[in-house]
């Protein structure tokens, strides 16, 4: 007798929202680190995350609140779109051809 495995479908909306919130939360934590830490410590922290890439020249230390809010929204939207696409591809890959 042939055993069938059932592939569960991902909710595109829910998975996209969850990952969008995760990406936005990570962005917000990153902003808090940049705004609250001393420059040398922040640069060292991000250099270690990026395997030694020097971020000194690309760090922005002066950002307005509205730029931060726009950034969080943009990261949320990008996270939602990428995750929704991932859920769609996952669901398509889980379909079986035929009975």
PDB file of N, CA and C in Angstrom:
ATOM      1  N   UNK A   1       0.838  -1.166   0.000  1.00  0.00           N
ATOM      2  CA  UNK A   1       0.000   0.000   0.000  1.00  0.00           C
ATOM      3  C   UNK A   1       0.894   1.245   0.000  1.00  0.00           C
ATOM      4  N   UNK A   2       0.552   2.183  -0.818  1.00  0.00           N
ATOM      5  CA  UNK A   2       1.336   3.399  -0.962  1.00  0.00           C
ATOM      6  C   UNK A   2       0.966   4.403   0.124  1.00  0.00           C
ATOM      7  N   UNK A   3       1.988   4.879   0.828  1.00  0.00           N
ATOM      8  CA  UNK A   3       1.754   5.846   1.891  1.00  0.00           C
ATOM      9  C   UNK A   3       1.865   7.259   1.317  1.00  0.00           C
ATOM     10  N   UNK A   4       0.902   8.088   1.647  1.00  0.00           N
ATOM     11  CA  UNK A   4       0.909   9.463   1.154  1.00  0.00           C
ATOM     12  C   UNK A   4       1.265  10.412   2.287  1.00  0.00           C
ATOM     13  N   UNK A   5       2.073  11.364   1.959  1.00  0.00           N
ATOM     14  CA  UNK A   5       2.359  12.417   2.929  1.00  0.00           C
ATOM     15  C   UNK A   5       1.550  13.642   2.533  1.00  0.00           C
ATOM     16  N   UNK A   6       1.041  14.308   3.526  1.00  0.00           N
ATOM     17  CA  UNK A   6       0.225  15.483   3.278  1.00  0.00           C
ATOM     18  C   UNK A   6       1.086  16.730   3.457  1.00  0.00           C
ATOM     19  N   UNK A   7       1.084  17.578   2.458  1.00  0.00           N
ATOM     20  CA  UNK A   7       1.802  18.838   2.539  1.00  0.00           C
ATOM     21  C   UNK A   7       0.799  19.912   2.913  1.00  0.00           C
ATOM     22  N   UNK A   8       1.065  20.586   4.011  1.00  0.00           N
ATOM     23  CA  UNK A   8       0.157  21.640   4.444  1.00  0.00           C
ATOM     24  C   UNK A   8       0.413  22.899   3.645  1.00  0.00           C
ATOM     25  N   UNK A   9      -0.644  23.626   3.392  1.00  0.00           N
ATOM     26  CA  UNK A   9      -0.557  24.883   2.660  1.00  0.00           C
ATOM     27  C   UNK A   9      -0.253  26.023   3.640  1.00  0.00           C
ATOM     28  N   UNK A  10       0.590  26.944   3.212  1.00  0.00           N
ATOM     29  CA  UNK A  10       0.857  28.132   4.009  1.00  0.00           C
ATOM     30  C   UNK A  10      -0.147  29.217   3.622  1.00  0.00           C
ATOM     31  N   UNK A  11      -0.643  29.922   4.598  1.00  0.00           N
ATOM     32  CA  UNK A  11      -1.487  31.082   4.326  1.00  0.00           C
ATOM     33  C   UNK A  11      -0.570  32.208   3.856  1.00  0.00           C
ATOM     34  N   UNK A  12      -0.762  32.651   2.639  1.00  0.00           N
ATOM     35  CA  UNK A  12       0.097  33.684   2.063  1.00  0.00           C
ATOM     36  C   UNK A  12       0.001  34.959   2.889  1.00  0.00           C
ATOM     37  N   UNK A  13      -1.201  35.369   3.245  1.00  0.00           N
ATOM     38  CA  UNK A  13      -1.393  36.594   4.019  1.00  0.00           C
ATOM     39  C   UNK A  13      -0.769  36.502   5.408  1.00  0.00           C
ATOM     40  N   UNK A  14      -1.028  35.408   6.106  1.00  0.00           N
ATOM     41  CA  UNK A  14      -0.533  35.269   7.472  1.00  0.00           C
ATOM     42  C   UNK A  14       0.983  35.113   7.518  1.00  0.00           C
ATOM     43  N   UNK A  15       1.540  34.312   6.612  1.00  0.00           N
ATOM     44  CA  UNK A  15       2.986  34.116   6.578  1.00  0.00           C
ATOM     45  C   UNK A  15       3.673  35.429   6.182  1.00  0.00           C
ATOM     46  N   UNK A  16       3.117  36.132   5.204  1.00  0.00           N
ATOM     47  CA  UNK A  16       3.678  37.414   4.800  1.00  0.00           C
ATOM     48  C   UNK A  16       3.650  38.429   5.933  1.00  0.00           C
ATOM     49  N   UNK A  17       2.528  38.483   6.654  1.00  0.00           N
ATOM     50  CA  UNK A  17       2.414  39.412   7.771  1.00  0.00           C
ATOM     51  C   UNK A  17       3.406  39.074   8.877  1.00  0.00           C
ATOM     52  N   UNK A  18       3.513  37.787   9.203  1.00  0.00           N
ATOM     53  CA  UNK A  18       4.427  37.376  10.271  1.00  0.00           C
ATOM     54  C   UNK A  18       5.871  37.734   9.927  1.00  0.00           C
ATOM     55  N   UNK A  19       6.287  37.448   8.715  1.00  0.00           N
ATOM     56  CA  UNK A  19       7.665  37.743   8.334  1.00  0.00           C
ATOM     57  C   UNK A  19       7.874  39.250   8.173  1.00  0.00           C
ATOM     58  N   UNK A  20       6.882  39.965   7.672  1.00  0.00           N
ATOM     59  CA  UNK A  20       6.981  41.415   7.590  1.00  0.00           C
ATOM     60  C   UNK A  20       7.170  42.034   8.965  1.00  0.00           C
ATOM     61  N   UNK A  21       6.426  41.537   9.952  1.00  0.00           N
ATOM     62  CA  UNK A  21       6.577  42.019  11.323  1.00  0.00           C
ATOM     63  C   UNK A  21       7.951  41.678  11.886  1.00  0.00           C
ATOM     64  N   UNK A  22       8.450  40.482  11.571  1.00  0.00           N
ATOM     65  CA  UNK A  22       9.785  40.109  12.025  1.00  0.00           C
ATOM     66  C   UNK A  22      10.829  41.051  11.432  1.00  0.00           C
ATOM     67  N   UNK A  23      10.771  41.298  10.126  1.00  0.00           N
ATOM     68  CA  UNK A  23      11.736  42.187   9.479  1.00  0.00           C
ATOM     69  C   UNK A  23      11.640  43.600  10.051  1.00  0.00           C
ATOM     70  N   UNK A  24      10.420  44.106  10.251  1.00  0.00           N
ATOM     71  CA  UNK A  24      10.240  45.450  10.808  1.00  0.00           C
ATOM     72  C   UNK A  24      10.765  45.521  12.230  1.00  0.00           C
ATOM     73  N   UNK A  25      10.565  44.468  13.008  1.00  0.00           N
ATOM     74  CA  UNK A  25      11.080  44.434  14.382  1.00  0.00           C
ATOM     75  C   UNK A  25      12.601  44.455  14.398  1.00  0.00           C
ATOM     76  N   UNK A  26      13.220  43.680  13.514  1.00  0.00           N
ATOM     77  CA  UNK A  26      14.680  43.680  13.428  1.00  0.00           C
ATOM     78  C   UNK A  26      15.207  45.051  13.018  1.00  0.00           C
ATOM     79  N   UNK A  27      14.509  45.709  12.106  1.00  0.00           N
ATOM     80  CA  UNK A  27      14.890  47.062  11.692  1.00  0.00           C
ATOM     81  C   UNK A  27      14.783  48.023  12.876  1.00  0.00           C
ATOM     82  N   UNK A  28      13.716  47.916  13.642  1.00  0.00           N
ATOM     83  CA  UNK A  28      13.524  48.790  14.801  1.00  0.00           C
ATOM     84  C   UNK A  28      14.612  48.557  15.848  1.00  0.00           C
ATOM     85  N   UNK A  29      14.955  47.301  16.099  1.00  0.00           N
ATOM     86  CA  UNK A  29      16.030  46.991  17.050  1.00  0.00           C
ATOM     87  C   UNK A  29      17.346  47.578  16.553  1.00  0.00           C
ATOM     88  N   UNK A  30      17.596  47.467  15.259  1.00  0.00           N
ATOM     89  CA  UNK A  30      18.795  48.042  14.670  1.00  0.00           C
ATOM     90  C   UNK A  30      18.830  49.563  14.880  1.00  0.00           C
ATOM     91  N   UNK A  31      17.696  50.225  14.697  1.00  0.00           N
ATOM     92  CA  UNK A  31      17.637  51.676  14.915  1.00  0.00           C
ATOM     93  C   UNK A  31      17.935  52.034  16.365  1.00  0.00           C
ATOM     94  N   UNK A  32      17.379  51.258  17.293  1.00  0.00           N
ATOM     95  CA  UNK A  32      17.617  51.528  18.715  1.00  0.00           C
ATOM     96  C   UNK A  32      19.097  51.363  19.039  1.00  0.00           C
ATOM     97  N   UNK A  33      19.730  50.337  18.480  1.00  0.00           N
ATOM     98  CA  UNK A  33      21.163  50.123  18.716  1.00  0.00           C
ATOM     99  C   UNK A  33      21.964  51.310  18.194  1.00  0.00           C
ATOM    100  N   UNK A  34      21.655  51.766  16.992  1.00  0.00           N
ATOM    101  CA  UNK A  34      22.386  52.888  16.398  1.00  0.00           C
ATOM    102  C   UNK A  34      22.185  54.162  17.215  1.00  0.00           C
ATOM    103  N   UNK A  35      20.961  54.402  17.670  1.00  0.00           N
ATOM    104  CA  UNK A  35      20.674  55.646  18.375  1.00  0.00           C
ATOM    105  C   UNK A  35      21.158  55.665  19.816  1.00  0.00           C
ATOM    106  N   UNK A  36      21.302  54.506  20.426  1.00  0.00           N
ATOM    107  CA  UNK A  36      21.603  54.495  21.858  1.00  0.00           C
ATOM    108  C   UNK A  36      23.054  54.160  22.200  1.00  0.00           C
ATOM    109  N   UNK A  37      23.775  53.563  21.283  1.00  0.00           N
ATOM    110  CA  UNK A  37      25.133  53.142  21.609  1.00  0.00           C
ATOM    111  C   UNK A  37      26.183  54.132  21.163  1.00  0.00           C
ATOM    112  N   UNK A  38      27.363  54.037  21.768  1.00  0.00           N
ATOM    113  CA  UNK A  38      28.471  54.870  21.309  1.00  0.00           C
ATOM    114  C   UNK A  38      28.906  54.445  19.905  1.00  0.00           C
ATOM    115  N   UNK A  39      29.352  55.401  19.107  1.00  0.00           N
ATOM    116  CA  UNK A  39      29.666  55.129  17.700  1.00  0.00           C
ATOM    117  C   UNK A  39      30.628  53.961  17.526  1.00  0.00           C
ATOM    118  N   UNK A  40      31.688  53.939  18.294  1.00  0.00           N
ATOM    119  CA  UNK A  40      32.685  52.881  18.130  1.00  0.00           C
ATOM    120  C   UNK A  40      32.089  51.498  18.401  1.00  0.00           C
ATOM    121  N   UNK A  41      31.243  51.416  19.419  1.00  0.00           N
ATOM    122  CA  UNK A  41      30.620  50.137  19.763  1.00  0.00           C
ATOM    123  C   UNK A  41      29.614  49.714  18.691  1.00  0.00           C
ATOM    124  N   UNK A  42      28.861  50.669  18.170  1.00  0.00           N
ATOM    125  CA  UNK A  42      27.867  50.365  17.132  1.00  0.00           C
ATOM    126  C   UNK A  42      28.555  49.898  15.861  1.00  0.00           C
ATOM    127  N   UNK A  43      29.605  50.611  15.453  1.00  0.00           N
ATOM    128  CA  UNK A  43      30.357  50.217  14.254  1.00  0.00           C
ATOM    129  C   UNK A  43      30.966  48.840  14.453  1.00  0.00           C
ATOM    130  N   UNK A  44      31.536  48.585  15.611  1.00  0.00           N
ATOM    131  CA  UNK A  44      32.119  47.274  15.901  1.00  0.00           C
ATOM    132  C   UNK A  44      31.056  46.177  15.856  1.00  0.00           C
ATOM    133  N   UNK A  45      29.874  46.456  16.412  1.00  0.00           N
ATOM    134  CA  UNK A  45      28.784  45.485  16.424  1.00  0.00           C
ATOM    135  C   UNK A  45      28.367  45.119  15.003  1.00  0.00           C
ATOM    136  N   UNK A  46      28.111  46.139  14.170  1.00  0.00           N
ATOM    137  CA  UNK A  46      27.667  45.858  12.803  1.00  0.00           C
ATOM    138  C   UNK A  46      28.784  45.277  11.944  1.00  0.00           C
ATOM    139  N   UNK A  47      30.033  45.663  12.196  1.00  0.00           N
ATOM    140  CA  UNK A  47      31.155  45.050  11.480  1.00  0.00           C
ATOM    141  C   UNK A  47      31.231  43.556  11.784  1.00  0.00           C
ATOM    142  N   UNK A  48      30.986  43.187  13.035  1.00  0.00           N
ATOM    143  CA  UNK A  48      31.060  41.761  13.390  1.00  0.00           C
ATOM    144  C   UNK A  48      29.902  40.965  12.782  1.00  0.00           C
ATOM    145  N   UNK A  49      28.715  41.589  12.684  1.00  0.00           N
ATOM    146  CA  UNK A  49      27.577  40.906  12.055  1.00  0.00           C
ATOM    147  C   UNK A  49      27.843  40.684  10.565  1.00  0.00           C
ATOM    148  N   UNK A  50      28.499  41.651   9.930  1.00  0.00           N
ATOM    149  CA  UNK A  50      28.742  41.597   8.487  1.00  0.00           C
ATOM    150  C   UNK A  50      30.114  41.007   8.157  1.00  0.00           C
ATOM    151  N   UNK A  51      30.645  40.189   9.044  1.00  0.00           N
ATOM    152  CA  UNK A  51      31.906  39.464   8.823  1.00  0.00           C
ATOM    153  C   UNK A  51      33.070  40.392   8.505  1.00  0.00           C
ATOM    154  N   UNK A  52      33.154  41.503   9.206  1.00  0.00           N
ATOM    155  CA  UNK A  52      34.308  42.381   9.077  1.00  0.00           C
ATOM    156  C   UNK A  52      34.196  43.454   8.018  1.00  0.00           C
ATOM    157  N   UNK A  53      33.070  43.549   7.321  1.00  0.00           N
ATOM    158  CA  UNK A  53      32.898  44.643   6.357  1.00  0.00           C
ATOM    159  C   UNK A  53      32.812  45.938   7.146  1.00  0.00           C
ATOM    160  N   UNK A  54      33.620  46.921   6.773  1.00  0.00           N
ATOM    161  CA  UNK A  54      33.654  48.191   7.496  1.00  0.00           C
ATOM    162  C   UNK A  54      32.447  49.050   7.112  1.00  0.00           C
ATOM    163  N   UNK A  55      31.576  49.296   8.082  1.00  0.00           N
ATOM    164  CA  UNK A  55      30.355  50.062   7.835  1.00  0.00           C
ATOM    165  C   UNK A  55      30.502  51.524   8.224  1.00  0.00           C
ATOM    166  N   UNK A  56      31.709  51.932   8.593  1.00  0.00           N
ATOM    167  CA  UNK A  56      31.911  53.303   9.066  1.00  0.00           C
ATOM    168  C   UNK A  56      31.436  54.333   8.053  1.00  0.00           C
ATOM    169  N   UNK A  57      31.732  54.134   6.789  1.00  0.00           N
ATOM    170  CA  UNK A  57      31.410  55.130   5.770  1.00  0.00           C
ATOM    171  C   UNK A  57      29.927  55.127   5.360  1.00  0.00           C
ATOM    172  N   UNK A  58      29.204  54.073   5.643  1.00  0.00           N
ATOM    173  CA  UNK A  58      27.809  54.017   5.207  1.00  0.00           C
ATOM    174  C   UNK A  58      26.803  54.214   6.347  1.00  0.00           C
ATOM    175  N   UNK A  59      27.288  54.333   7.566  1.00  0.00           N
ATOM    176  CA  UNK A  59      26.380  54.541   8.704  1.00  0.00           C
ATOM    177  C   UNK A  59      25.835  55.963   8.688  1.00  0.00           C
ATOM    178  N   UNK A  60      24.535  56.093   8.936  1.00  0.00           N
ATOM    179  CA  UNK A  60      23.892  57.406   9.081  1.00  0.00           C
ATOM    180  C   UNK A  60      23.573  57.610  10.540  1.00  0.00           C
ATOM    181  N   UNK A  61      24.103  58.661  11.103  1.00  0.00           N
ATOM    182  CA  UNK A  61      23.904  58.910  12.529  1.00  0.00           C
ATOM    183  C   UNK A  61      22.767  59.899  12.770  1.00  0.00           C
ATOM    184  N   UNK A  62      22.446  60.716  11.793  1.00  0.00           N
ATOM    185  CA  UNK A  62      21.365  61.685  11.948  1.00  0.00           C
ATOM    186  C   UNK A  62      20.209  61.282  11.032  1.00  0.00           C
ATOM    187  N   UNK A  63      19.133  60.833  11.642  1.00  0.00           N
ATOM    188  CA  UNK A  63      17.923  60.487  10.893  1.00  0.00           C
ATOM    189  C   UNK A  63      16.736  61.080  11.625  1.00  0.00           C
ATOM    190  N   UNK A  64      15.804  61.612  10.864  1.00  0.00           N
ATOM    191  CA  UNK A  64      14.592  62.143  11.484  1.00  0.00           C
ATOM    192  C   UNK A  64      13.648  60.984  11.816  1.00  0.00           C
ATOM    193  N   UNK A  65      12.690  61.258  12.696  1.00  0.00           N
ATOM    194  CA  UNK A  65      11.734  60.226  13.094  1.00  0.00           C
ATOM    195  C   UNK A  65      10.900  59.747  11.918  1.00  0.00           C
ATOM    196  N   UNK A  66      10.508  60.672  11.024  1.00  0.00           N
ATOM    197  CA  UNK A  66       9.676  60.262   9.894  1.00  0.00           C
ATOM    198  C   UNK A  66      10.452  59.358   8.957  1.00  0.00           C
ATOM    199  N   UNK A  67      11.785  59.568   8.813  1.00  0.00           N
ATOM    200  CA  UNK A  67      12.590  58.671   7.979  1.00  0.00           C
ATOM    201  C   UNK A  67      12.638  57.267   8.574  1.00  0.00           C
ATOM    202  N   UNK A  68      12.699  57.206   9.899  1.00  0.00           N
ATOM    203  CA  UNK A  68      12.717  55.903  10.567  1.00  0.00           C
ATOM    204  C   UNK A  68      11.386  55.179  10.392  1.00  0.00           C
ATOM    205  N   UNK A  69      10.296  55.909  10.507  1.00  0.00           N
ATOM    206  CA  UNK A  69       8.974  55.296  10.339  1.00  0.00           C
ATOM    207  C   UNK A  69       8.793  54.822   8.897  1.00  0.00           C
ATOM    208  N   UNK A  70       9.215  55.642   7.932  1.00  0.00           N
ATOM    209  CA  UNK A  70       9.145  55.227   6.522  1.00  0.00           C
ATOM    210  C   UNK A  70      10.009  53.983   6.309  1.00  0.00           C
ATOM    211  N   UNK A  71      11.186  53.948   6.927  1.00  0.00           N
ATOM    212  CA  UNK A  71      12.066  52.782   6.810  1.00  0.00           C
ATOM    213  C   UNK A  71      11.421  51.520   7.355  1.00  0.00           C
ATOM    214  N   UNK A  72      10.769  51.625   8.506  1.00  0.00           N
ATOM    215  CA  UNK A  72      10.090  50.464   9.089  1.00  0.00           C
ATOM    216  C   UNK A  72       8.978  49.989   8.154  1.00  0.00           C
ATOM    217  N   UNK A  73       8.208  50.918   7.617  1.00  0.00           N
ATOM    218  CA  UNK A  73       7.134  50.541   6.693  1.00  0.00           C
ATOM    219  C   UNK A  73       7.690  49.883   5.432  1.00  0.00           C
ATOM    220  N   UNK A  74       8.763  50.429   4.895  1.00  0.00           N
ATOM    221  CA  UNK A  74       9.359  49.849   3.688  1.00  0.00           C
ATOM    222  C   UNK A  74       9.879  48.435   3.944  1.00  0.00           C
ATOM    223  N   UNK A  75      10.536  48.252   5.083  1.00  0.00           N
ATOM    224  CA  UNK A  75      11.062  46.924   5.416  1.00  0.00           C
ATOM    225  C   UNK A  75       9.914  45.945   5.640  1.00  0.00           C
ATOM    226  N   UNK A  76       8.838  46.403   6.285  1.00  0.00           N
ATOM    227  CA  UNK A  76       7.672  45.540   6.470  1.00  0.00           C
ATOM    228  C   UNK A  76       7.104  45.112   5.124  1.00  0.00           C
ATOM    229  N   UNK A  77       6.936  46.076   4.209  1.00  0.00           N
ATOM    230  CA  UNK A  77       6.362  45.762   2.892  1.00  0.00           C
ATOM    231  C   UNK A  77       7.271  44.803   2.125  1.00  0.00           C
ATOM    232  N   UNK A  78       8.568  45.055   2.134  1.00  0.00           N
ATOM    233  CA  UNK A  78       9.496  44.148   1.450  1.00  0.00           C
ATOM    234  C   UNK A  78       9.473  42.751   2.067  1.00  0.00           C
ATOM    235  N   UNK A  79       9.435  42.696   3.403  1.00  0.00           N
ATOM    236  CA  UNK A  79       9.353  41.402   4.074  1.00  0.00           C
ATOM    237  C   UNK A  79       8.070  40.671   3.740  1.00  0.00           C
ATOM    238  N   UNK A  80       6.948  41.424   3.701  1.00  0.00           N
ATOM    239  CA  UNK A  80       5.665  40.815   3.356  1.00  0.00           C
ATOM    240  C   UNK A  80       5.695  40.278   1.934  1.00  0.00           C
ATOM    241  N   UNK A  81       6.183  41.082   0.995  1.00  0.00           N
ATOM    242  CA  UNK A  81       6.201  40.653  -0.406  1.00  0.00           C
ATOM    243  C   UNK A  81       7.086  39.424  -0.615  1.00  0.00           C
ATOM    244  N   UNK A  82       8.284  39.444  -0.046  1.00  0.00           N
ATOM    245  CA  UNK A  82       9.193  38.294  -0.206  1.00  0.00           C
ATOM    246  C   UNK A  82       8.607  37.038   0.441  1.00  0.00           C
ATOM    247  N   UNK A  83       8.040  37.186   1.621  1.00  0.00           N
ATOM    248  CA  UNK A  83       7.473  36.033   2.316  1.00  0.00           C
ATOM    249  C   UNK A  83       6.206  35.522   1.645  1.00  0.00           C
ATOM    250  N   UNK A  84       5.397  36.417   1.123  1.00  0.00           N
ATOM    251  CA  UNK A  84       4.194  35.990   0.395  1.00  0.00           C
ATOM    252  C   UNK A  84       4.602  35.209  -0.854  1.00  0.00           C
ATOM    253  N   UNK A  85       5.618  35.695  -1.555  1.00  0.00           N
ATOM    254  CA  UNK A  85       6.113  34.965  -2.729  1.00  0.00           C
ATOM    255  C   UNK A  85       6.643  33.597  -2.319  1.00  0.00           C
ATOM    256  N   UNK A  86       7.368  33.535  -1.211  1.00  0.00           N
ATOM    257  CA  UNK A  86       7.880  32.262  -0.724  1.00  0.00           C
ATOM    258  C   UNK A  86       6.736  31.298  -0.407  1.00  0.00           C
ATOM    259  N   UNK A  87       5.689  31.795   0.239  1.00  0.00           N
ATOM    260  CA  UNK A  87       4.534  30.951   0.570  1.00  0.00           C
ATOM    261  C   UNK A  87       3.841  30.457  -0.694  1.00  0.00           C
ATOM    262  N   UNK A  88       3.731  31.328  -1.696  1.00  0.00           N
ATOM    263  CA  UNK A  88       3.110  30.914  -2.958  1.00  0.00           C
ATOM    264  C   UNK A  88       3.926  29.810  -3.617  1.00  0.00           C
ATOM    265  N   UNK A  89       5.245  29.990  -3.691  1.00  0.00           N
ATOM    266  CA  UNK A  89       6.102  28.971  -4.302  1.00  0.00           C
ATOM    267  C   UNK A  89       6.065  27.664  -3.505  1.00  0.00           C
ATOM    268  N   UNK A  90       6.026  27.772  -2.185  1.00  0.00           N
ATOM    269  CA  UNK A  90       5.935  26.584  -1.329  1.00  0.00           C
ATOM    270  C   UNK A  90       4.634  25.835  -1.605  1.00  0.00           C
ATOM    271  N   UNK A  91       3.534  26.586  -1.675  1.00  0.00           N
ATOM    272  CA  UNK A  91       2.240  25.950  -1.934  1.00  0.00           C
ATOM    273  C   UNK A  91       2.192  25.316  -3.314  1.00  0.00           C
ATOM    274  N   UNK A  92       2.777  25.972  -4.305  1.00  0.00           N
ATOM    275  CA  UNK A  92       2.812  25.396  -5.653  1.00  0.00           C
ATOM    276  C   UNK A  92       3.668  24.131  -5.693  1.00  0.00           C
ATOM    277  N   UNK A  93       4.765  24.125  -4.984  1.00  0.00           N
ATOM    278  CA  UNK A  93       5.650  22.962  -4.962  1.00  0.00           C
ATOM    279  C   UNK A  93       5.014  21.779  -4.240  1.00  0.00           C
ATOM    280  N   UNK A  94       4.090  22.063  -3.337  1.00  0.00           N
ATOM    281  CA  UNK A  94       3.449  21.000  -2.585  1.00  0.00           C
ATOM    282  C   UNK A  94       2.291  20.325  -3.292  1.00  0.00           C
ATOM    283  N   UNK A  95       1.871  20.888  -4.401  1.00  0.00           N
ATOM    284  CA  UNK A  95       0.769  20.297  -5.154  1.00  0.00           C
ATOM    285  C   UNK A  95       1.241  19.024  -5.831  1.00  0.00           C
ATOM    286  N   UNK A  96       0.345  18.078  -5.909  1.00  0.00           N
ATOM    287  CA  UNK A  96       0.646  16.825  -6.604  1.00  0.00           C
ATOM    288  C   UNK A  96      -0.101  16.786  -7.918  1.00  0.00           C
ATOM    289  N   UNK A  97       0.557  16.297  -8.912  1.00  0.00           N
ATOM    290  CA  UNK A  97      -0.098  16.130 -10.208  1.00  0.00           C
ATOM    291  C   UNK A  97      -0.861  14.811 -10.206  1.00  0.00           C
ATOM    292  N   UNK A  98      -2.108  14.887 -10.510  1.00  0.00           N
ATOM    293  CA  UNK A  98      -2.909  13.667 -10.589  1.00  0.00           C
ATOM    294  C   UNK A  98      -3.458  13.240  -9.240  1.00  0.00           C
ATOM    295  N   UNK A  99      -4.174  12.094  -9.210  1.00  0.00           N
ATOM    296  CA  UNK A  99      -4.817  11.629  -7.982  1.00  0.00           C
ATOM    297  C   UNK A  99      -3.861  11.022  -7.000  1.00  0.00           C
TER     298      UNK A  99
END
